[in-house]
PDB file of all heavy atoms in Angstrom:
ATOM      1  N   VAL A   1     -20.579  19.301  -1.562  1.00  0.00           N
ATOM      2  CA  VAL A   1     -19.852  18.085  -1.517  1.00  0.00           C
ATOM      3  C   VAL A   1     -19.383  17.757  -2.940  1.00  0.00           C
ATOM      4  O   VAL A   1     -20.005  18.116  -3.934  1.00  0.00           O
ATOM      5  CB  VAL A   1     -20.734  16.921  -0.964  1.00  0.00           C
ATOM      6  CG1 VAL A   1     -21.171  17.206   0.477  1.00  0.00           C
ATOM      7  CG2 VAL A   1     -21.942  16.632  -1.819  1.00  0.00           C
ATOM      8  N   ASP A   2     -18.227  17.054  -2.995  1.00  0.00           N
ATOM      9  CA  ASP A   2     -17.584  16.608  -4.361  1.00  0.00           C
ATOM     10  C   ASP A   2     -18.150  15.145  -4.614  1.00  0.00           C
ATOM     11  O   ASP A   2     -17.316  14.350  -4.297  1.00  0.00           O
ATOM     12  CB  ASP A   2     -16.082  16.848  -4.258  1.00  0.00           C
ATOM     13  CG  ASP A   2     -15.540  16.666  -5.721  1.00  0.00           C
ATOM     14  OD1 ASP A   2     -16.270  16.100  -6.570  1.00  0.00           O
ATOM     15  OD2 ASP A   2     -14.458  16.993  -5.938  1.00  0.00           O
ATOM     16  N   ALA A   3     -19.197  15.068  -5.087  1.00  0.00           N
ATOM     17  CA  ALA A   3     -19.714  13.637  -5.295  1.00  0.00           C
ATOM     18  C   ALA A   3     -18.991  12.947  -6.256  1.00  0.00           C
ATOM     19  O   ALA A   3     -18.820  11.633  -6.237  1.00  0.00           O
ATOM     20  CB  ALA A   3     -21.291  13.665  -5.664  1.00  0.00           C
ATOM     21  N   GLU A   4     -18.533  13.577  -7.347  1.00  0.00           N
ATOM     22  CA  GLU A   4     -17.675  13.003  -8.472  1.00  0.00           C
ATOM     23  C   GLU A   4     -16.491  12.294  -7.782  1.00  0.00           C
ATOM     24  O   GLU A   4     -16.159  11.121  -8.047  1.00  0.00           O
ATOM     25  CB  GLU A   4     -17.354  13.890  -9.507  1.00  0.00           C
ATOM     26  CG  GLU A   4     -16.494  13.292 -10.580  1.00  0.00           C
ATOM     27  CD  GLU A   4     -15.967  14.492 -11.518  1.00  0.00           C
ATOM     28  OE1 GLU A   4     -16.106  15.608 -11.325  1.00  0.00           O
ATOM     29  OE2 GLU A   4     -15.301  14.062 -12.398  1.00  0.00           O
ATOM     30  N   LYS A   5     -15.792  13.007  -7.003  1.00  0.00           N
ATOM     31  CA  LYS A   5     -14.524  12.556  -6.432  1.00  0.00           C
ATOM     32  C   LYS A   5     -14.910  11.455  -5.482  1.00  0.00           C
ATOM     33  O   LYS A   5     -14.153  10.487  -5.322  1.00  0.00           O
ATOM     34  CB  LYS A   5     -13.731  13.759  -5.730  1.00  0.00           C
ATOM     35  CG  LYS A   5     -12.400  13.215  -5.139  1.00  0.00           C
ATOM     36  CD  LYS A   5     -11.735  14.357  -4.429  1.00  0.00           C
ATOM     37  CE  LYS A   5     -10.465  13.942  -3.776  1.00  0.00           C
ATOM     38  NZ  LYS A   5      -9.659  15.005  -3.137  1.00  0.00           N
ATOM     39  N   HIS A   6     -15.882  11.623  -4.553  1.00  0.00           N
ATOM     40  CA  HIS A   6     -16.271  10.895  -3.458  1.00  0.00           C
ATOM     41  C   HIS A   6     -16.433   9.470  -4.036  1.00  0.00           C
ATOM     42  O   HIS A   6     -15.892   8.426  -3.592  1.00  0.00           O
ATOM     43  CB  HIS A   6     -17.466  11.330  -2.705  1.00  0.00           C
ATOM     44  CG  HIS A   6     -18.017  10.393  -1.740  1.00  0.00           C
ATOM     45  ND1 HIS A   6     -17.514  10.490  -0.410  1.00  0.00           N
ATOM     46  CD2 HIS A   6     -18.944   9.445  -1.626  1.00  0.00           C
ATOM     47  CE1 HIS A   6     -17.974   9.548   0.412  1.00  0.00           C
ATOM     48  NE2 HIS A   6     -18.883   8.909  -0.356  1.00  0.00           N
ATOM     49  N   TYR A   7     -17.308   9.303  -5.057  1.00  0.00           N
ATOM     50  CA  TYR A   7     -17.600   7.926  -5.643  1.00  0.00           C
ATOM     51  C   TYR A   7     -16.449   7.409  -6.493  1.00  0.00           C
ATOM     52  O   TYR A   7     -16.347   6.245  -6.561  1.00  0.00           O
ATOM     53  CB  TYR A   7     -18.939   8.050  -6.412  1.00  0.00           C
ATOM     54  CG  TYR A   7     -20.122   8.282  -5.519  1.00  0.00           C
ATOM     55  CD1 TYR A   7     -20.813   9.388  -5.514  1.00  0.00           C
ATOM     56  CD2 TYR A   7     -20.491   7.218  -4.590  1.00  0.00           C
ATOM     57  CE1 TYR A   7     -21.944   9.499  -4.782  1.00  0.00           C
ATOM     58  CE2 TYR A   7     -21.506   7.411  -3.717  1.00  0.00           C
ATOM     59  CZ  TYR A   7     -22.254   8.530  -3.799  1.00  0.00           C
ATOM     60  OH  TYR A   7     -23.350   8.697  -2.983  1.00  0.00           O
ATOM     61  N   ARG A   8     -15.653   8.265  -7.027  1.00  0.00           N
ATOM     62  CA  ARG A   8     -14.430   7.808  -7.773  1.00  0.00           C
ATOM     63  C   ARG A   8     -13.489   7.205  -6.804  1.00  0.00           C
ATOM     64  O   ARG A   8     -12.984   6.041  -7.074  1.00  0.00           O
ATOM     65  CB  ARG A   8     -13.724   8.964  -8.548  1.00  0.00           C
ATOM     66  CG  ARG A   8     -12.478   8.541  -9.258  1.00  0.00           C
ATOM     67  CD  ARG A   8     -11.909   9.556 -10.173  1.00  0.00           C
ATOM     68  NE  ARG A   8     -12.174  10.995  -9.756  1.00  0.00           N
ATOM     69  CZ  ARG A   8     -11.355  11.553  -9.035  1.00  0.00           C
ATOM     70  NH1 ARG A   8     -10.273  11.042  -8.558  1.00  0.00           N
ATOM     71  NH2 ARG A   8     -11.631  12.920  -8.655  1.00  0.00           N
ATOM     72  N   VAL A   9     -13.211   7.844  -5.702  1.00  0.00           N
ATOM     73  CA  VAL A   9     -12.379   7.228  -4.660  1.00  0.00           C
ATOM     74  C   VAL A   9     -12.821   5.936  -4.096  1.00  0.00           C
ATOM     75  O   VAL A   9     -12.180   4.979  -3.879  1.00  0.00           O
ATOM     76  CB  VAL A   9     -12.008   8.225  -3.549  1.00  0.00           C
ATOM     77  CG1 VAL A   9     -11.397   7.628  -2.421  1.00  0.00           C
ATOM     78  CG2 VAL A   9     -11.277   9.461  -4.086  1.00  0.00           C
ATOM     79  N   LEU A  10     -14.209   6.001  -3.931  1.00  0.00           N
ATOM     80  CA  LEU A  10     -14.872   4.673  -3.444  1.00  0.00           C
ATOM     81  C   LEU A  10     -14.670   3.563  -4.398  1.00  0.00           C
ATOM     82  O   LEU A  10     -14.354   2.522  -3.918  1.00  0.00           O
ATOM     83  CB  LEU A  10     -16.343   5.011  -3.202  1.00  0.00           C
ATOM     84  CG  LEU A  10     -17.246   3.883  -2.650  1.00  0.00           C
ATOM     85  CD1 LEU A  10     -16.580   3.176  -1.441  1.00  0.00           C
ATOM     86  CD2 LEU A  10     -18.698   4.361  -2.372  1.00  0.00           C
ATOM     87  N   ALA A  11     -14.924   3.759  -5.649  1.00  0.00           N
ATOM     88  CA  ALA A  11     -14.665   2.776  -6.678  1.00  0.00           C
ATOM     89  C   ALA A  11     -13.275   2.252  -6.675  1.00  0.00           C
ATOM     90  O   ALA A  11     -13.154   0.898  -6.760  1.00  0.00           O
ATOM     91  CB  ALA A  11     -15.022   3.281  -8.055  1.00  0.00           C
ATOM     92  N   GLU A  12     -12.387   3.008  -6.421  1.00  0.00           N
ATOM     93  CA  GLU A  12     -10.950   2.540  -6.364  1.00  0.00           C
ATOM     94  C   GLU A  12     -10.768   1.756  -5.084  1.00  0.00           C
ATOM     95  O   GLU A  12      -9.950   0.599  -5.205  1.00  0.00           O
ATOM     96  CB  GLU A  12      -9.966   3.890  -6.285  1.00  0.00           C
ATOM     97  CG  GLU A  12      -9.976   4.575  -7.609  1.00  0.00           C
ATOM     98  CD  GLU A  12      -9.158   5.871  -7.494  1.00  0.00           C
ATOM     99  OE1 GLU A  12      -8.734   6.148  -6.325  1.00  0.00           O
ATOM    100  OE2 GLU A  12      -9.080   6.670  -8.524  1.00  0.00           O
ATOM    101  N   LYS A  13     -11.329   2.030  -4.042  1.00  0.00           N
ATOM    102  CA  LYS A  13     -11.153   1.393  -2.717  1.00  0.00           C
ATOM    103  C   LYS A  13     -11.784  -0.067  -2.881  1.00  0.00           C
ATOM    104  O   LYS A  13     -11.317  -1.083  -2.488  1.00  0.00           O
ATOM    105  CB  LYS A  13     -11.905   2.270  -1.609  1.00  0.00           C
ATOM    106  CG  LYS A  13     -11.694   1.479  -0.224  1.00  0.00           C
ATOM    107  CD  LYS A  13     -12.320   2.281   0.868  1.00  0.00           C
ATOM    108  CE  LYS A  13     -11.500   3.652   1.037  1.00  0.00           C
ATOM    109  NZ  LYS A  13     -11.981   4.458   2.137  1.00  0.00           N
ATOM    110  N   LEU A  14     -12.975  -0.049  -3.537  1.00  0.00           N
ATOM    111  CA  LEU A  14     -13.756  -1.298  -3.670  1.00  0.00           C
ATOM    112  C   LEU A  14     -12.969  -2.281  -4.630  1.00  0.00           C
ATOM    113  O   LEU A  14     -12.983  -3.547  -4.419  1.00  0.00           O
ATOM    114  CB  LEU A  14     -15.152  -1.156  -4.212  1.00  0.00           C
ATOM    115  CG  LEU A  14     -16.116  -0.394  -3.188  1.00  0.00           C
ATOM    116  CD1 LEU A  14     -17.400  -0.050  -3.888  1.00  0.00           C
ATOM    117  CD2 LEU A  14     -16.379  -1.255  -1.965  1.00  0.00           C
ATOM    118  N   GLY A  15     -12.222  -1.683  -5.501  1.00  0.00           N
ATOM    119  CA  GLY A  15     -11.597  -2.403  -6.520  1.00  0.00           C
ATOM    120  C   GLY A  15     -10.284  -3.153  -5.798  1.00  0.00           C
ATOM    121  O   GLY A  15      -9.741  -4.169  -6.339  1.00  0.00           O
ATOM    122  N   GLY A  16      -9.893  -2.689  -4.678  1.00  0.00           N
ATOM    123  CA  GLY A  16      -8.810  -3.261  -3.895  1.00  0.00           C
ATOM    124  C   GLY A  16      -9.234  -4.150  -2.915  1.00  0.00           C
ATOM    125  O   GLY A  16      -8.317  -4.659  -2.116  1.00  0.00           O
ATOM    126  N   ALA A  17     -10.542  -4.420  -2.742  1.00  0.00           N
ATOM    127  CA  ALA A  17     -11.035  -5.310  -1.637  1.00  0.00           C
ATOM    128  C   ALA A  17     -10.609  -6.750  -1.917  1.00  0.00           C
ATOM    129  O   ALA A  17     -10.565  -7.197  -3.108  1.00  0.00           O
ATOM    130  CB  ALA A  17     -12.509  -5.205  -1.584  1.00  0.00           C
ATOM    131  N   VAL A  18     -10.401  -7.448  -0.865  1.00  0.00           N
ATOM    132  CA  VAL A  18     -10.226  -9.028  -0.916  1.00  0.00           C
ATOM    133  C   VAL A  18     -11.444  -9.563  -1.076  1.00  0.00           C
ATOM    134  O   VAL A  18     -12.411  -9.424  -0.306  1.00  0.00           O
ATOM    135  CB  VAL A  18      -9.386  -9.436   0.162  1.00  0.00           C
ATOM    136  CG1 VAL A  18      -9.173 -10.904   0.115  1.00  0.00           C
ATOM    137  CG2 VAL A  18      -8.030  -8.727   0.440  1.00  0.00           C
ATOM    138  N   THR A  19     -11.687 -10.386  -2.247  1.00  0.00           N
ATOM    139  CA  THR A  19     -13.025 -10.946  -2.563  1.00  0.00           C
ATOM    140  C   THR A  19     -13.006 -12.453  -2.326  1.00  0.00           C
ATOM    141  O   THR A  19     -11.897 -13.127  -2.300  1.00  0.00           O
ATOM    142  CB  THR A  19     -13.479 -10.689  -3.987  1.00  0.00           C
ATOM    143  OG1 THR A  19     -12.486 -11.285  -4.810  1.00  0.00           O
ATOM    144  CG2 THR A  19     -13.605  -9.138  -4.051  1.00  0.00           C
ATOM    145  N   THR A  20     -14.068 -13.101  -2.241  1.00  0.00           N
ATOM    146  CA  THR A  20     -14.246 -14.614  -2.357  1.00  0.00           C
ATOM    147  C   THR A  20     -15.173 -14.947  -3.356  1.00  0.00           C
ATOM    148  O   THR A  20     -15.906 -13.982  -4.065  1.00  0.00           O
ATOM    149  CB  THR A  20     -14.744 -15.106  -0.831  1.00  0.00           C
ATOM    150  OG1 THR A  20     -16.112 -14.597  -0.659  1.00  0.00           O
ATOM    151  CG2 THR A  20     -13.793 -14.740   0.248  1.00  0.00           C
ATOM    152  N   GLN A  21     -15.391 -16.179  -3.588  1.00  0.00           N
ATOM    153  CA  GLN A  21     -16.313 -16.560  -4.600  1.00  0.00           C
ATOM    154  C   GLN A  21     -17.840 -15.997  -4.221  1.00  0.00           C
ATOM    155  O   GLN A  21     -18.488 -15.704  -5.080  1.00  0.00           O
ATOM    156  CB  GLN A  21     -16.424 -18.223  -4.736  1.00  0.00           C
ATOM    157  CG  GLN A  21     -17.305 -18.658  -5.682  1.00  0.00           C
ATOM    158  CD  GLN A  21     -17.292 -20.188  -5.873  1.00  0.00           C
ATOM    159  OE1 GLN A  21     -16.517 -20.849  -5.217  1.00  0.00           O
ATOM    160  NE2 GLN A  21     -18.027 -20.767  -6.788  1.00  0.00           N
ATOM    161  N   THR A  22     -18.001 -15.990  -2.914  1.00  0.00           N
ATOM    162  CA  THR A  22     -19.448 -15.496  -2.638  1.00  0.00           C
ATOM    163  C   THR A  22     -19.552 -13.983  -2.777  1.00  0.00           C
ATOM    164  O   THR A  22     -20.603 -13.496  -3.275  1.00  0.00           O
ATOM    165  CB  THR A  22     -19.500 -15.793  -0.951  1.00  0.00           C
ATOM    166  OG1 THR A  22     -19.548 -17.158  -0.787  1.00  0.00           O
ATOM    167  CG2 THR A  22     -20.923 -15.152  -0.576  1.00  0.00           C
ATOM    168  N   THR A  23     -18.482 -13.320  -2.527  1.00  0.00           N
ATOM    169  CA  THR A  23     -18.608 -11.796  -2.657  1.00  0.00           C
ATOM    170  C   THR A  23     -18.136 -11.122  -3.890  1.00  0.00           C
ATOM    171  O   THR A  23     -18.214  -9.921  -4.066  1.00  0.00           O
ATOM    172  CB  THR A  23     -17.942 -11.156  -1.386  1.00  0.00           C
ATOM    173  OG1 THR A  23     -16.478 -11.493  -1.344  1.00  0.00           O
ATOM    174  CG2 THR A  23     -18.640 -11.435  -0.172  1.00  0.00           C
ATOM    175  N   ARG A  24     -17.448 -11.967  -4.763  1.00  0.00           N
ATOM    176  CA  ARG A  24     -16.930 -11.400  -6.018  1.00  0.00           C
ATOM    177  C   ARG A  24     -18.034 -10.669  -6.723  1.00  0.00           C
ATOM    178  O   ARG A  24     -17.809  -9.551  -7.246  1.00  0.00           O
ATOM    179  CB  ARG A  24     -16.353 -12.494  -6.775  1.00  0.00           C
ATOM    180  CG  ARG A  24     -15.278 -12.027  -7.739  1.00  0.00           C
ATOM    181  CD  ARG A  24     -14.209 -13.064  -8.172  1.00  0.00           C
ATOM    182  NE  ARG A  24     -13.370 -13.438  -7.062  1.00  0.00           N
ATOM    183  CZ  ARG A  24     -13.340 -14.657  -6.550  1.00  0.00           C
ATOM    184  NH1 ARG A  24     -13.890 -15.641  -7.181  1.00  0.00           N
ATOM    185  NH2 ARG A  24     -12.605 -14.936  -5.531  1.00  0.00           N
ATOM    186  N   PRO A  25     -19.119 -11.200  -7.082  1.00  0.00           N
ATOM    187  CA  PRO A  25     -20.237 -10.531  -7.714  1.00  0.00           C
ATOM    188  C   PRO A  25     -20.739  -9.364  -6.947  1.00  0.00           C
ATOM    189  O   PRO A  25     -21.146  -8.246  -7.623  1.00  0.00           O
ATOM    190  CB  PRO A  25     -21.369 -11.552  -8.051  1.00  0.00           C
ATOM    191  CG  PRO A  25     -21.050 -12.677  -6.970  1.00  0.00           C
ATOM    192  CD  PRO A  25     -19.679 -12.711  -6.716  1.00  0.00           C
ATOM    193  N   LEU A  26     -20.817  -9.371  -5.663  1.00  0.00           N
ATOM    194  CA  LEU A  26     -21.188  -8.185  -4.905  1.00  0.00           C
ATOM    195  C   LEU A  26     -20.249  -7.046  -5.218  1.00  0.00           C
ATOM    196  O   LEU A  26     -20.727  -5.838  -5.400  1.00  0.00           O
ATOM    197  CB  LEU A  26     -21.156  -8.590  -3.414  1.00  0.00           C
ATOM    198  CG  LEU A  26     -21.595  -7.555  -2.464  1.00  0.00           C
ATOM    199  CD1 LEU A  26     -23.269  -7.394  -2.439  1.00  0.00           C
ATOM    200  CD2 LEU A  26     -21.176  -7.768  -1.040  1.00  0.00           C
ATOM    201  N   TYR A  27     -18.944  -7.210  -5.013  1.00  0.00           N
ATOM    202  CA  TYR A  27     -18.000  -6.236  -5.286  1.00  0.00           C
ATOM    203  C   TYR A  27     -18.001  -5.724  -6.748  1.00  0.00           C
ATOM    204  O   TYR A  27     -17.834  -4.471  -7.057  1.00  0.00           O
ATOM    205  CB  TYR A  27     -16.722  -6.562  -4.865  1.00  0.00           C
ATOM    206  CG  TYR A  27     -16.361  -6.532  -3.375  1.00  0.00           C
ATOM    207  CD1 TYR A  27     -16.115  -7.701  -2.689  1.00  0.00           C
ATOM    208  CD2 TYR A  27     -16.412  -5.492  -2.712  1.00  0.00           C
ATOM    209  CE1 TYR A  27     -15.943  -7.814  -1.298  1.00  0.00           C
ATOM    210  CE2 TYR A  27     -16.011  -5.397  -1.341  1.00  0.00           C
ATOM    211  CZ  TYR A  27     -15.893  -6.570  -0.682  1.00  0.00           C
ATOM    212  OH  TYR A  27     -15.659  -6.495   0.719  1.00  0.00           O
ATOM    213  N   ALA A  28     -18.205  -6.628  -7.611  1.00  0.00           N
ATOM    214  CA  ALA A  28     -18.259  -6.174  -9.123  1.00  0.00           C
ATOM    215  C   ALA A  28     -19.274  -5.239  -9.270  1.00  0.00           C
ATOM    216  O   ALA A  28     -19.223  -4.204  -9.988  1.00  0.00           O
ATOM    217  CB  ALA A  28     -18.393  -7.485  -9.883  1.00  0.00           C
ATOM    218  N   TYR A  29     -20.501  -5.517  -8.652  1.00  0.00           N
ATOM    219  CA  TYR A  29     -21.638  -4.597  -8.836  1.00  0.00           C
ATOM    220  C   TYR A  29     -21.406  -3.282  -8.177  1.00  0.00           C
ATOM    221  O   TYR A  29     -21.596  -2.237  -8.711  1.00  0.00           O
ATOM    222  CB  TYR A  29     -22.835  -5.299  -8.293  1.00  0.00           C
ATOM    223  CG  TYR A  29     -23.923  -4.245  -7.891  1.00  0.00           C
ATOM    224  CD1 TYR A  29     -24.674  -3.466  -8.930  1.00  0.00           C
ATOM    225  CD2 TYR A  29     -24.286  -4.043  -6.592  1.00  0.00           C
ATOM    226  CE1 TYR A  29     -25.567  -2.578  -8.541  1.00  0.00           C
ATOM    227  CE2 TYR A  29     -25.338  -3.085  -6.354  1.00  0.00           C
ATOM    228  CZ  TYR A  29     -25.899  -2.330  -7.217  1.00  0.00           C
ATOM    229  OH  TYR A  29     -26.898  -1.411  -6.992  1.00  0.00           O
ATOM    230  N   TYR A  30     -20.962  -3.329  -6.923  1.00  0.00           N
ATOM    231  CA  TYR A  30     -20.737  -2.159  -6.251  1.00  0.00           C
ATOM    232  C   TYR A  30     -19.725  -1.249  -6.743  1.00  0.00           C
ATOM    233  O   TYR A  30     -19.767   0.057  -6.801  1.00  0.00           O
ATOM    234  CB  TYR A  30     -20.417  -2.392  -4.767  1.00  0.00           C
ATOM    235  CG  TYR A  30     -21.690  -2.502  -3.930  1.00  0.00           C
ATOM    236  CD1 TYR A  30     -21.895  -3.702  -3.001  1.00  0.00           C
ATOM    237  CD2 TYR A  30     -22.731  -1.554  -3.921  1.00  0.00           C
ATOM    238  CE1 TYR A  30     -23.040  -3.645  -2.222  1.00  0.00           C
ATOM    239  CE2 TYR A  30     -23.757  -1.598  -3.073  1.00  0.00           C
ATOM    240  CZ  TYR A  30     -24.020  -2.717  -2.279  1.00  0.00           C
ATOM    241  OH  TYR A  30     -25.013  -2.740  -1.464  1.00  0.00           O
ATOM    242  N   GLN A  31     -18.647  -1.777  -7.280  1.00  0.00           N
ATOM    243  CA  GLN A  31     -17.584  -1.037  -7.886  1.00  0.00           C
ATOM    244  C   GLN A  31     -18.077  -0.309  -9.257  1.00  0.00           C
ATOM    245  O   GLN A  31     -17.838   0.903  -9.454  1.00  0.00           O
ATOM    246  CB  GLN A  31     -16.322  -1.794  -8.280  1.00  0.00           C
ATOM    247  CG  GLN A  31     -15.211  -0.999  -8.902  1.00  0.00           C
ATOM    248  CD  GLN A  31     -13.988  -1.832  -9.215  1.00  0.00           C
ATOM    249  OE1 GLN A  31     -14.116  -3.050  -9.383  1.00  0.00           O
ATOM    250  NE2 GLN A  31     -12.857  -1.211  -9.197  1.00  0.00           N
ATOM    251  N   GLN A  32     -18.955  -0.951 -10.052  1.00  0.00           N
ATOM    252  CA  GLN A  32     -19.414  -0.334 -11.121  1.00  0.00           C
ATOM    253  C   GLN A  32     -20.501   0.677 -10.889  1.00  0.00           C
ATOM    254  O   GLN A  32     -20.594   1.750 -11.377  1.00  0.00           O
ATOM    255  CB  GLN A  32     -20.233  -1.387 -12.096  1.00  0.00           C
ATOM    256  CG  GLN A  32     -19.126  -2.346 -12.744  1.00  0.00           C
ATOM    257  CD  GLN A  32     -19.960  -3.292 -13.828  1.00  0.00           C
ATOM    258  OE1 GLN A  32     -20.748  -2.566 -14.670  1.00  0.00           O
ATOM    259  NE2 GLN A  32     -19.698  -4.392 -13.912  1.00  0.00           N
ATOM    260  N   LEU A  33     -21.238   0.434  -9.723  1.00  0.00           N
ATOM    261  CA  LEU A  33     -22.227   1.386  -9.236  1.00  0.00           C
ATOM    262  C   LEU A  33     -21.522   2.707  -8.872  1.00  0.00           C
ATOM    263  O   LEU A  33     -21.892   3.803  -9.251  1.00  0.00           O
ATOM    264  CB  LEU A  33     -23.059   0.866  -8.080  1.00  0.00           C
ATOM    265  CG  LEU A  33     -23.961   1.881  -7.335  1.00  0.00           C
ATOM    266  CD1 LEU A  33     -25.084   2.441  -8.278  1.00  0.00           C
ATOM    267  CD2 LEU A  33     -24.628   1.280  -6.144  1.00  0.00           C
ATOM    268  N   ALA A  34     -20.415   2.590  -8.104  1.00  0.00           N
ATOM    269  CA  ALA A  34     -19.573   3.829  -7.660  1.00  0.00           C
ATOM    270  C   ALA A  34     -19.040   4.547  -8.812  1.00  0.00           C
ATOM    271  O   ALA A  34     -19.107   5.801  -8.868  1.00  0.00           O
ATOM    272  CB  ALA A  34     -18.528   3.433  -6.581  1.00  0.00           C
ATOM    273  N   ARG A  35     -18.544   3.837  -9.799  1.00  0.00           N
ATOM    274  CA  ARG A  35     -18.034   4.584 -11.060  1.00  0.00           C
ATOM    275  C   ARG A  35     -19.138   5.307 -11.744  1.00  0.00           C
ATOM    276  O   ARG A  35     -18.992   6.394 -12.211  1.00  0.00           O
ATOM    277  CB  ARG A  35     -17.432   3.486 -11.954  1.00  0.00           C
ATOM    278  CG  ARG A  35     -15.974   3.059 -11.459  1.00  0.00           C
ATOM    279  CD  ARG A  35     -15.622   1.813 -12.363  1.00  0.00           C
ATOM    280  NE  ARG A  35     -14.286   1.357 -12.053  1.00  0.00           N
ATOM    281  CZ  ARG A  35     -13.850   0.194 -12.566  1.00  0.00           C
ATOM    282  NH1 ARG A  35     -14.523  -0.578 -13.314  1.00  0.00           N
ATOM    283  NH2 ARG A  35     -12.545  -0.183 -12.111  1.00  0.00           N
ATOM    284  N   PHE A  36     -20.307   4.542 -11.906  1.00  0.00           N
ATOM    285  CA  PHE A  36     -21.436   5.385 -12.504  1.00  0.00           C
ATOM    286  C   PHE A  36     -21.856   6.485 -11.754  1.00  0.00           C
ATOM    287  O   PHE A  36     -22.121   7.506 -12.489  1.00  0.00           O
ATOM    288  CB  PHE A  36     -22.557   4.262 -12.697  1.00  0.00           C
ATOM    289  CG  PHE A  36     -23.871   4.776 -13.425  1.00  0.00           C
ATOM    290  CD1 PHE A  36     -23.877   4.766 -14.786  1.00  0.00           C
ATOM    291  CD2 PHE A  36     -24.919   5.407 -12.704  1.00  0.00           C
ATOM    292  CE1 PHE A  36     -24.939   5.247 -15.464  1.00  0.00           C
ATOM    293  CE2 PHE A  36     -25.868   5.873 -13.353  1.00  0.00           C
ATOM    294  CZ  PHE A  36     -25.963   5.844 -14.727  1.00  0.00           C
ATOM    295  N   LEU A  37     -21.992   6.486 -10.475  1.00  0.00           N
ATOM    296  CA  LEU A  37     -22.401   7.632  -9.737  1.00  0.00           C
ATOM    297  C   LEU A  37     -21.490   8.762  -9.913  1.00  0.00           C
ATOM    298  O   LEU A  37     -21.759   9.922  -9.911  1.00  0.00           O
ATOM    299  CB  LEU A  37     -22.528   7.257  -8.234  1.00  0.00           C
ATOM    300  CG  LEU A  37     -23.710   6.282  -7.935  1.00  0.00           C
ATOM    301  CD1 LEU A  37     -23.638   5.885  -6.532  1.00  0.00           C
ATOM    302  CD2 LEU A  37     -25.060   6.822  -8.218  1.00  0.00           C
TER     303      LEU A  37
END
């Protein structure tokens, strides 16, 4: 499996999500997590 590509693509997808005040910190964390992985 290509984990590097998988999580890079996921980070890009999360970066394009529509956020609200409630979920903005959630997406900020998850996008950084995907990039780190």
